[in-house]
Amino acid sequence: DEDSENIINELVDNKEGWVYMLTCLKGYMEY
């Protein structure tokens, strides 16, 4: 929701979650 007063925090938290999941995926798949 672009009109949410917490949009920046929501996007940052969301990005952090996906970066973390992809990092875990990389560790699992490669190592």
PDB file of all heavy atoms in Angstrom:
ATOM      1  N   ASP A   1       0.847  -1.196   0.000  1.00  0.00           N
ATOM      2  CA  ASP A   1       0.000   0.000   0.000  1.00  0.00           C
ATOM      3  C   ASP A   1       0.882   1.245   0.000  1.00  0.00           C
ATOM      4  O   ASP A   1       1.507   1.570   1.013  1.00  0.00           O
ATOM      5  CB  ASP A   1      -0.906  -0.019   1.226  1.00  0.00           C
ATOM      6  CG  ASP A   1      -1.826   1.193   1.318  1.00  0.00           C
ATOM      7  OD1 ASP A   1      -1.815   2.051   0.404  1.00  0.00           O
ATOM      8  OD2 ASP A   1      -2.561   1.279   2.318  1.00  0.00           O
ATOM      9  N   GLU A   2       0.928   1.917  -1.137  1.00  0.00           N
ATOM     10  CA  GLU A   2       1.767   3.113  -1.279  1.00  0.00           C
ATOM     11  C   GLU A   2       1.360   4.227  -0.317  1.00  0.00           C
ATOM     12  O   GLU A   2       2.165   5.097   0.002  1.00  0.00           O
ATOM     13  CB  GLU A   2       1.684   3.647  -2.711  1.00  0.00           C
ATOM     14  CG  GLU A   2       2.275   2.721  -3.728  1.00  0.00           C
ATOM     15  CD  GLU A   2       2.148   3.242  -5.142  1.00  0.00           C
ATOM     16  OE1 GLU A   2       2.201   4.479  -5.343  1.00  0.00           O
ATOM     17  OE2 GLU A   2       1.998   2.413  -6.054  1.00  0.00           O
ATOM     18  N   ASP A   3       0.124   4.203   0.152  1.00  0.00           N
ATOM     19  CA  ASP A   3      -0.366   5.255   1.040  1.00  0.00           C
ATOM     20  C   ASP A   3      -0.134   4.953   2.521  1.00  0.00           C
ATOM     21  O   ASP A   3      -0.451   5.779   3.380  1.00  0.00           O
ATOM     22  CB  ASP A   3      -1.869   5.475   0.808  1.00  0.00           C
ATOM     23  CG  ASP A   3      -2.148   5.979  -0.601  1.00  0.00           C
ATOM     24  OD1 ASP A   3      -1.315   6.731  -1.148  1.00  0.00           O
ATOM     25  OD2 ASP A   3      -3.199   5.590  -1.171  1.00  0.00           O
ATOM     26  N   SER A   4       0.414   3.792   2.809  1.00  0.00           N
ATOM     27  CA  SER A   4       0.673   3.425   4.194  1.00  0.00           C
ATOM     28  C   SER A   4       1.738   4.347   4.788  1.00  0.00           C
ATOM     29  O   SER A   4       2.744   4.645   4.155  1.00  0.00           O
ATOM     30  CB  SER A   4       1.161   1.970   4.273  1.00  0.00           C
ATOM     31  OG  SER A   4       1.641   1.687   5.574  1.00  0.00           O
ATOM     32  N   GLU A   5       1.536   4.757   6.031  1.00  0.00           N
ATOM     33  CA  GLU A   5       2.531   5.615   6.678  1.00  0.00           C
ATOM     34  C   GLU A   5       3.806   4.833   7.009  1.00  0.00           C
ATOM     35  O   GLU A   5       4.842   5.417   7.279  1.00  0.00           O
ATOM     36  CB  GLU A   5       1.955   6.270   7.925  1.00  0.00           C
ATOM     37  CG  GLU A   5       1.561   5.305   9.012  1.00  0.00           C
ATOM     38  CD  GLU A   5       0.907   5.994  10.205  1.00  0.00           C
ATOM     39  OE1 GLU A   5       0.077   6.905   9.989  1.00  0.00           O
ATOM     40  OE2 GLU A   5       1.244   5.615  11.340  1.00  0.00           O
ATOM     41  N   ASN A   6       3.733   3.487   6.968  1.00  0.00           N
ATOM     42  CA  ASN A   6       4.884   2.639   7.266  1.00  0.00           C
ATOM     43  C   ASN A   6       5.481   1.989   6.019  1.00  0.00           C
ATOM     44  O   ASN A   6       6.194   0.991   6.127  1.00  0.00           O
ATOM     45  CB  ASN A   6       4.487   1.532   8.253  1.00  0.00           C
ATOM     46  CG  ASN A   6       4.084   2.089   9.592  1.00  0.00           C
ATOM     47  OD1 ASN A   6       4.721   2.998  10.103  1.00  0.00           O
ATOM     48  ND2 ASN A   6       3.017   1.559  10.150  1.00  0.00           N
ATOM     49  N   ILE A   7       5.189   2.527   4.830  1.00  0.00           N
ATOM     50  CA  ILE A   7       5.593   1.878   3.587  1.00  0.00           C
ATOM     51  C   ILE A   7       7.100   1.633   3.501  1.00  0.00           C
ATOM     52  O   ILE A   7       7.535   0.564   3.070  1.00  0.00           O
ATOM     53  CB  ILE A   7       5.089   2.653   2.347  1.00  0.00           C
ATOM     54  CG1 ILE A   7       5.366   1.866   1.055  1.00  0.00           C
ATOM     55  CG2 ILE A   7       5.702   4.034   2.263  1.00  0.00           C
ATOM     56  CD1 ILE A   7       4.617   0.573   0.928  1.00  0.00           C
ATOM     57  N   ILE A   8       7.913   2.569   3.939  1.00  0.00           N
ATOM     58  CA  ILE A   8       9.370   2.390   3.851  1.00  0.00           C
ATOM     59  C   ILE A   8       9.811   1.227   4.731  1.00  0.00           C
ATOM     60  O   ILE A   8      10.569   0.347   4.293  1.00  0.00           O
ATOM     61  CB  ILE A   8      10.125   3.686   4.226  1.00  0.00           C
ATOM     62  CG1 ILE A   8       9.761   4.829   3.265  1.00  0.00           C
ATOM     63  CG2 ILE A   8      11.631   3.439   4.238  1.00  0.00           C
ATOM     64  CD1 ILE A   8      10.074   4.554   1.804  1.00  0.00           C
ATOM     65  N   ASN A   9       9.329   1.186   5.974  1.00  0.00           N
ATOM     66  CA  ASN A   9       9.673   0.077   6.873  1.00  0.00           C
ATOM     67  C   ASN A   9       9.186  -1.259   6.330  1.00  0.00           C
ATOM     68  O   ASN A   9       9.894  -2.271   6.424  1.00  0.00           O
ATOM     69  CB  ASN A   9       9.106   0.301   8.270  1.00  0.00           C
ATOM     70  CG  ASN A   9       9.842   1.393   9.017  1.00  0.00           C
ATOM     71  OD1 ASN A   9      10.980   1.704   8.710  1.00  0.00           O
ATOM     72  ND2 ASN A   9       9.173   1.982   9.989  1.00  0.00           N
ATOM     73  N   GLU A  10       7.982  -1.283   5.749  1.00  0.00           N
ATOM     74  CA  GLU A  10       7.439  -2.517   5.176  1.00  0.00           C
ATOM     75  C   GLU A  10       8.313  -3.001   4.022  1.00  0.00           C
ATOM     76  O   GLU A  10       8.619  -4.199   3.936  1.00  0.00           O
ATOM     77  CB  GLU A  10       6.009  -2.287   4.697  1.00  0.00           C
ATOM     78  CG  GLU A  10       5.027  -2.079   5.831  1.00  0.00           C
ATOM     79  CD  GLU A  10       3.654  -1.613   5.354  1.00  0.00           C
ATOM     80  OE1 GLU A  10       3.341  -1.774   4.148  1.00  0.00           O
ATOM     81  OE2 GLU A  10       2.890  -1.100   6.182  1.00  0.00           O
ATOM     82  N   LEU A  11       8.727  -2.103   3.151  1.00  0.00           N
ATOM     83  CA  LEU A  11       9.560  -2.480   2.006  1.00  0.00           C
ATOM     84  C   LEU A  11      10.943  -2.958   2.457  1.00  0.00           C
ATOM     85  O   LEU A  11      11.466  -3.941   1.935  1.00  0.00           O
ATOM     86  CB  LEU A  11       9.689  -1.319   1.017  1.00  0.00           C
ATOM     87  CG  LEU A  11       8.427  -0.986   0.231  1.00  0.00           C
ATOM     88  CD1 LEU A  11       8.624   0.315  -0.542  1.00  0.00           C
ATOM     89  CD2 LEU A  11       8.042  -2.120  -0.709  1.00  0.00           C
ATOM     90  N   VAL A  12      11.525  -2.272   3.435  1.00  0.00           N
ATOM     91  CA  VAL A  12      12.854  -2.668   3.937  1.00  0.00           C
ATOM     92  C   VAL A  12      12.773  -4.032   4.613  1.00  0.00           C
ATOM     93  O   VAL A  12      13.607  -4.916   4.361  1.00  0.00           O
ATOM     94  CB  VAL A  12      13.430  -1.597   4.884  1.00  0.00           C
ATOM     95  CG1 VAL A  12      14.663  -2.109   5.615  1.00  0.00           C
ATOM     96  CG2 VAL A  12      13.774  -0.330   4.104  1.00  0.00           C
ATOM     97  N   ASP A  13      11.772  -4.252   5.476  1.00  0.00           N
ATOM     98  CA  ASP A  13      11.605  -5.545   6.136  1.00  0.00           C
ATOM     99  C   ASP A  13      11.383  -6.654   5.117  1.00  0.00           C
ATOM    100  O   ASP A  13      11.942  -7.743   5.233  1.00  0.00           O
ATOM    101  CB  ASP A  13      10.435  -5.518   7.120  1.00  0.00           C
ATOM    102  CG  ASP A  13      10.750  -4.811   8.417  1.00  0.00           C
ATOM    103  OD1 ASP A  13      11.936  -4.480   8.644  1.00  0.00           O
ATOM    104  OD2 ASP A  13       9.811  -4.590   9.209  1.00  0.00           O
ATOM    105  N   ASN A  14      10.575  -6.370   4.116  1.00  0.00           N
ATOM    106  CA  ASN A  14      10.290  -7.348   3.077  1.00  0.00           C
ATOM    107  C   ASN A  14      11.549  -7.700   2.295  1.00  0.00           C
ATOM    108  O   ASN A  14      11.846  -8.877   2.073  1.00  0.00           O
ATOM    109  CB  ASN A  14       9.204  -6.789   2.152  1.00  0.00           C
ATOM    110  CG  ASN A  14       8.820  -7.758   1.069  1.00  0.00           C
ATOM    111  OD1 ASN A  14       9.337  -7.677  -0.041  1.00  0.00           O
ATOM    112  ND2 ASN A  14       7.906  -8.654   1.377  1.00  0.00           N
ATOM    113  N   LYS A  15      12.310  -6.689   1.914  1.00  0.00           N
ATOM    114  CA  LYS A  15      13.558  -6.905   1.174  1.00  0.00           C
ATOM    115  C   LYS A  15      14.523  -7.732   2.016  1.00  0.00           C
ATOM    116  O   LYS A  15      15.157  -8.669   1.516  1.00  0.00           O
ATOM    117  CB  LYS A  15      14.171  -5.553   0.804  1.00  0.00           C
ATOM    118  CG  LYS A  15      15.469  -5.637   0.055  1.00  0.00           C
ATOM    119  CD  LYS A  15      15.262  -6.197  -1.324  1.00  0.00           C
ATOM    120  CE  LYS A  15      15.867  -5.271  -2.352  1.00  0.00           C
ATOM    121  NZ  LYS A  15      15.602  -5.745  -3.704  1.00  0.00           N
ATOM    122  N   GLU A  16      14.643  -7.394   3.296  1.00  0.00           N
ATOM    123  CA  GLU A  16      15.517  -8.148   4.194  1.00  0.00           C
ATOM    124  C   GLU A  16      15.121  -9.620   4.224  1.00  0.00           C
ATOM    125  O   GLU A  16      15.978 -10.510   4.172  1.00  0.00           O
ATOM    126  CB  GLU A  16      15.437  -7.564   5.606  1.00  0.00           C
ATOM    127  CG  GLU A  16      16.276  -8.301   6.623  1.00  0.00           C
ATOM    128  CD  GLU A  16      16.095  -7.721   8.016  1.00  0.00           C
ATOM    129  OE1 GLU A  16      14.999  -7.892   8.607  1.00  0.00           O
ATOM    130  OE2 GLU A  16      17.044  -7.100   8.517  1.00  0.00           O
ATOM    131  N   GLY A  17      13.832  -9.896   4.275  1.00  0.00           N
ATOM    132  CA  GLY A  17      13.360 -11.277   4.305  1.00  0.00           C
ATOM    133  C   GLY A  17      13.708 -12.041   3.041  1.00  0.00           C
ATOM    134  O   GLY A  17      14.166 -13.188   3.094  1.00  0.00           O
ATOM    135  N   TRP A  18      13.522 -11.413   1.893  1.00  0.00           N
ATOM    136  CA  TRP A  18      13.836 -12.099   0.633  1.00  0.00           C
ATOM    137  C   TRP A  18      15.342 -12.278   0.447  1.00  0.00           C
ATOM    138  O   TRP A  18      15.790 -13.324  -0.029  1.00  0.00           O
ATOM    139  CB  TRP A  18      13.206 -11.389  -0.557  1.00  0.00           C
ATOM    140  CG  TRP A  18      11.713 -11.518  -0.599  1.00  0.00           C
ATOM    141  CD1 TRP A  18      10.797 -10.510  -0.581  1.00  0.00           C
ATOM    142  CD2 TRP A  18      10.958 -12.734  -0.663  1.00  0.00           C
ATOM    143  NE1 TRP A  18       9.531 -11.023  -0.622  1.00  0.00           N
ATOM    144  CE2 TRP A  18       9.598 -12.385  -0.676  1.00  0.00           C
ATOM    145  CE3 TRP A  18      11.301 -14.090  -0.698  1.00  0.00           C
ATOM    146  CZ2 TRP A  18       8.578 -13.344  -0.731  1.00  0.00           C
ATOM    147  CZ3 TRP A  18      10.290 -15.043  -0.759  1.00  0.00           C
ATOM    148  CH2 TRP A  18       8.945 -14.661  -0.776  1.00  0.00           C
ATOM    149  N   VAL A  19      16.135 -11.281   0.824  1.00  0.00           N
ATOM    150  CA  VAL A  19      17.592 -11.439   0.735  1.00  0.00           C
ATOM    151  C   VAL A  19      18.033 -12.581   1.642  1.00  0.00           C
ATOM    152  O   VAL A  19      18.859 -13.419   1.258  1.00  0.00           O
ATOM    153  CB  VAL A  19      18.331 -10.126   1.096  1.00  0.00           C
ATOM    154  CG1 VAL A  19      19.823 -10.362   1.303  1.00  0.00           C
ATOM    155  CG2 VAL A  19      18.099  -9.070   0.020  1.00  0.00           C
ATOM    156  N   TYR A  20      17.469 -12.665   2.837  1.00  0.00           N
ATOM    157  CA  TYR A  20      17.821 -13.730   3.763  1.00  0.00           C
ATOM    158  C   TYR A  20      17.432 -15.099   3.196  1.00  0.00           C
ATOM    159  O   TYR A  20      18.216 -16.050   3.216  1.00  0.00           O
ATOM    160  CB  TYR A  20      17.168 -13.488   5.125  1.00  0.00           C
ATOM    161  CG  TYR A  20      17.478 -14.583   6.105  1.00  0.00           C
ATOM    162  CD1 TYR A  20      18.778 -14.774   6.567  1.00  0.00           C
ATOM    163  CD2 TYR A  20      16.492 -15.450   6.535  1.00  0.00           C
ATOM    164  CE1 TYR A  20      19.086 -15.801   7.450  1.00  0.00           C
ATOM    165  CE2 TYR A  20      16.790 -16.473   7.418  1.00  0.00           C
ATOM    166  CZ  TYR A  20      18.084 -16.641   7.867  1.00  0.00           C
ATOM    167  OH  TYR A  20      18.374 -17.658   8.729  1.00  0.00           O
ATOM    168  N   MET A  21      16.196 -15.224   2.679  1.00  0.00           N
ATOM    169  CA  MET A  21      15.757 -16.497   2.111  1.00  0.00           C
ATOM    170  C   MET A  21      16.664 -16.910   0.954  1.00  0.00           C
ATOM    171  O   MET A  21      17.083 -18.070   0.856  1.00  0.00           O
ATOM    172  CB  MET A  21      14.302 -16.407   1.642  1.00  0.00           C
ATOM    173  CG  MET A  21      13.753 -17.729   1.084  1.00  0.00           C
ATOM    174  SD  MET A  21      14.148 -18.062  -0.655  1.00  0.00           S
ATOM    175  CE  MET A  21      13.092 -16.904  -1.495  1.00  0.00           C
ATOM    176  N   LEU A  22      17.009 -15.975   0.069  1.00  0.00           N
ATOM    177  CA  LEU A  22      17.867 -16.304  -1.071  1.00  0.00           C
ATOM    178  C   LEU A  22      19.285 -16.667  -0.623  1.00  0.00           C
ATOM    179  O   LEU A  22      19.926 -17.537  -1.212  1.00  0.00           O
ATOM    180  CB  LEU A  22      17.890 -15.157  -2.077  1.00  0.00           C
ATOM    181  CG  LEU A  22      16.588 -14.965  -2.871  1.00  0.00           C
ATOM    182  CD1 LEU A  22      16.653 -13.681  -3.690  1.00  0.00           C
ATOM    183  CD2 LEU A  22      16.285 -16.170  -3.749  1.00  0.00           C
ATOM    184  N   THR A  23      19.769 -16.037   0.427  1.00  0.00           N
ATOM    185  CA  THR A  23      21.081 -16.385   0.983  1.00  0.00           C
ATOM    186  C   THR A  23      21.052 -17.810   1.536  1.00  0.00           C
ATOM    187  O   THR A  23      21.986 -18.599   1.315  1.00  0.00           O
ATOM    188  CB  THR A  23      21.485 -15.385   2.082  1.00  0.00           C
ATOM    189  OG1 THR A  23      21.533 -14.077   1.514  1.00  0.00           O
ATOM    190  CG2 THR A  23      22.838 -15.735   2.688  1.00  0.00           C
ATOM    191  N   CYS A  24      19.982 -18.162   2.237  1.00  0.00           N
ATOM    192  CA  CYS A  24      19.824 -19.524   2.751  1.00  0.00           C
ATOM    193  C   CYS A  24      19.725 -20.525   1.602  1.00  0.00           C
ATOM    194  O   CYS A  24      20.309 -21.617   1.669  1.00  0.00           O
ATOM    195  CB  CYS A  24      18.592 -19.621   3.646  1.00  0.00           C
ATOM    196  SG  CYS A  24      18.720 -18.712   5.196  1.00  0.00           S
ATOM    197  N   LEU A  25      19.006 -20.148   0.541  1.00  0.00           N
ATOM    198  CA  LEU A  25      18.889 -21.005  -0.634  1.00  0.00           C
ATOM    199  C   LEU A  25      20.257 -21.238  -1.266  1.00  0.00           C
ATOM    200  O   LEU A  25      20.610 -22.361  -1.619  1.00  0.00           O
ATOM    201  CB  LEU A  25      17.926 -20.380  -1.649  1.00  0.00           C
ATOM    202  CG  LEU A  25      17.756 -21.119  -2.979  1.00  0.00           C
ATOM    203  CD1 LEU A  25      17.145 -22.499  -2.771  1.00  0.00           C
ATOM    204  CD2 LEU A  25      16.900 -20.278  -3.926  1.00  0.00           C
ATOM    205  N   LYS A  26      21.055 -20.189  -1.392  1.00  0.00           N
ATOM    206  CA  LYS A  26      22.399 -20.301  -1.966  1.00  0.00           C
ATOM    207  C   LYS A  26      23.273 -21.239  -1.124  1.00  0.00           C
ATOM    208  O   LYS A  26      23.947 -22.125  -1.653  1.00  0.00           O
ATOM    209  CB  LYS A  26      23.035 -18.919  -2.087  1.00  0.00           C
ATOM    210  CG  LYS A  26      24.389 -18.920  -2.779  1.00  0.00           C
ATOM    211  CD  LYS A  26      24.860 -17.490  -2.999  1.00  0.00           C
ATOM    212  CE  LYS A  26      26.172 -17.434  -3.743  1.00  0.00           C
ATOM    213  NZ  LYS A  26      26.088 -17.808  -5.151  1.00  0.00           N
ATOM    214  N   GLY A  27      23.253 -21.061   0.187  1.00  0.00           N
ATOM    215  CA  GLY A  27      24.032 -21.923   1.076  1.00  0.00           C
ATOM    216  C   GLY A  27      23.607 -23.377   0.963  1.00  0.00           C
ATOM    217  O   GLY A  27      24.443 -24.289   0.902  1.00  0.00           O
ATOM    218  N   TYR A  28      22.307 -23.611   0.899  1.00  0.00           N
ATOM    219  CA  TYR A  28      21.760 -24.961   0.801  1.00  0.00           C
ATOM    220  C   TYR A  28      22.109 -25.602  -0.540  1.00  0.00           C
ATOM    221  O   TYR A  28      22.577 -26.746  -0.593  1.00  0.00           O
ATOM    222  CB  TYR A  28      20.239 -24.889   0.988  1.00  0.00           C
ATOM    223  CG  TYR A  28      19.504 -26.179   0.782  1.00  0.00           C
ATOM    224  CD1 TYR A  28      19.681 -27.258   1.641  1.00  0.00           C
ATOM    225  CD2 TYR A  28      18.593 -26.312  -0.265  1.00  0.00           C
ATOM    226  CE1 TYR A  28      18.982 -28.443   1.455  1.00  0.00           C
ATOM    227  CE2 TYR A  28      17.888 -27.486  -0.451  1.00  0.00           C
ATOM    228  CZ  TYR A  28      18.085 -28.551   0.406  1.00  0.00           C
ATOM    229  OH  TYR A  28      17.388 -29.719   0.220  1.00  0.00           O
ATOM    230  N   MET A  29      21.901 -24.859  -1.632  1.00  0.00           N
ATOM    231  CA  MET A  29      22.112 -25.424  -2.960  1.00  0.00           C
ATOM    232  C   MET A  29      23.590 -25.602  -3.299  1.00  0.00           C
ATOM    233  O   MET A  29      23.974 -26.599  -3.893  1.00  0.00           O
ATOM    234  CB  MET A  29      21.439 -24.543  -4.023  1.00  0.00           C
ATOM    235  CG  MET A  29      19.928 -24.446  -3.904  1.00  0.00           C
ATOM    236  SD  MET A  29      19.037 -26.030  -3.972  1.00  0.00           S
ATOM    237  CE  MET A  29      19.477 -26.632  -5.575  1.00  0.00           C
ATOM    238  N   GLU A  30      24.421 -24.637  -2.942  1.00  0.00           N
ATOM    239  CA  GLU A  30      25.826 -24.681  -3.350  1.00  0.00           C
ATOM    240  C   GLU A  30      26.718 -25.439  -2.367  1.00  0.00           C
ATOM    241  O   GLU A  30      27.703 -26.054  -2.779  1.00  0.00           O
ATOM    242  CB  GLU A  30      26.368 -23.267  -3.539  1.00  0.00           C
ATOM    243  CG  GLU A  30      25.768 -22.552  -4.730  1.00  0.00           C
ATOM    244  CD  GLU A  30      26.361 -21.177  -4.966  1.00  0.00           C
ATOM    245  OE1 GLU A  30      27.364 -20.800  -4.310  1.00  0.00           O
ATOM    246  OE2 GLU A  30      25.814 -20.443  -5.817  1.00  0.00           O
ATOM    247  N   TYR A  31      26.371 -25.397  -1.080  1.00  0.00           N
ATOM    248  CA  TYR A  31      27.270 -25.952  -0.071  1.00  0.00           C
ATOM    249  C   TYR A  31      26.623 -26.991   0.845  1.00  0.00           C
ATOM    250  O   TYR A  31      27.295 -27.555   1.715  1.00  0.00           O
ATOM    251  CB  TYR A  31      27.864 -24.822   0.784  1.00  0.00           C
ATOM    252  CG  TYR A  31      28.560 -23.783  -0.050  1.00  0.00           C
ATOM    253  CD1 TYR A  31      27.946 -22.578  -0.341  1.00  0.00           C
ATOM    254  CD2 TYR A  31      29.820 -24.045  -0.587  1.00  0.00           C
ATOM    255  CE1 TYR A  31      28.579 -21.632  -1.143  1.00  0.00           C
ATOM    256  CE2 TYR A  31      30.457 -23.106  -1.388  1.00  0.00           C
ATOM    257  CZ  TYR A  31      29.829 -21.904  -1.663  1.00  0.00           C
ATOM    258  OH  TYR A  31      30.454 -20.977  -2.461  1.00  0.00           O
TER     259      TYR A  31
END
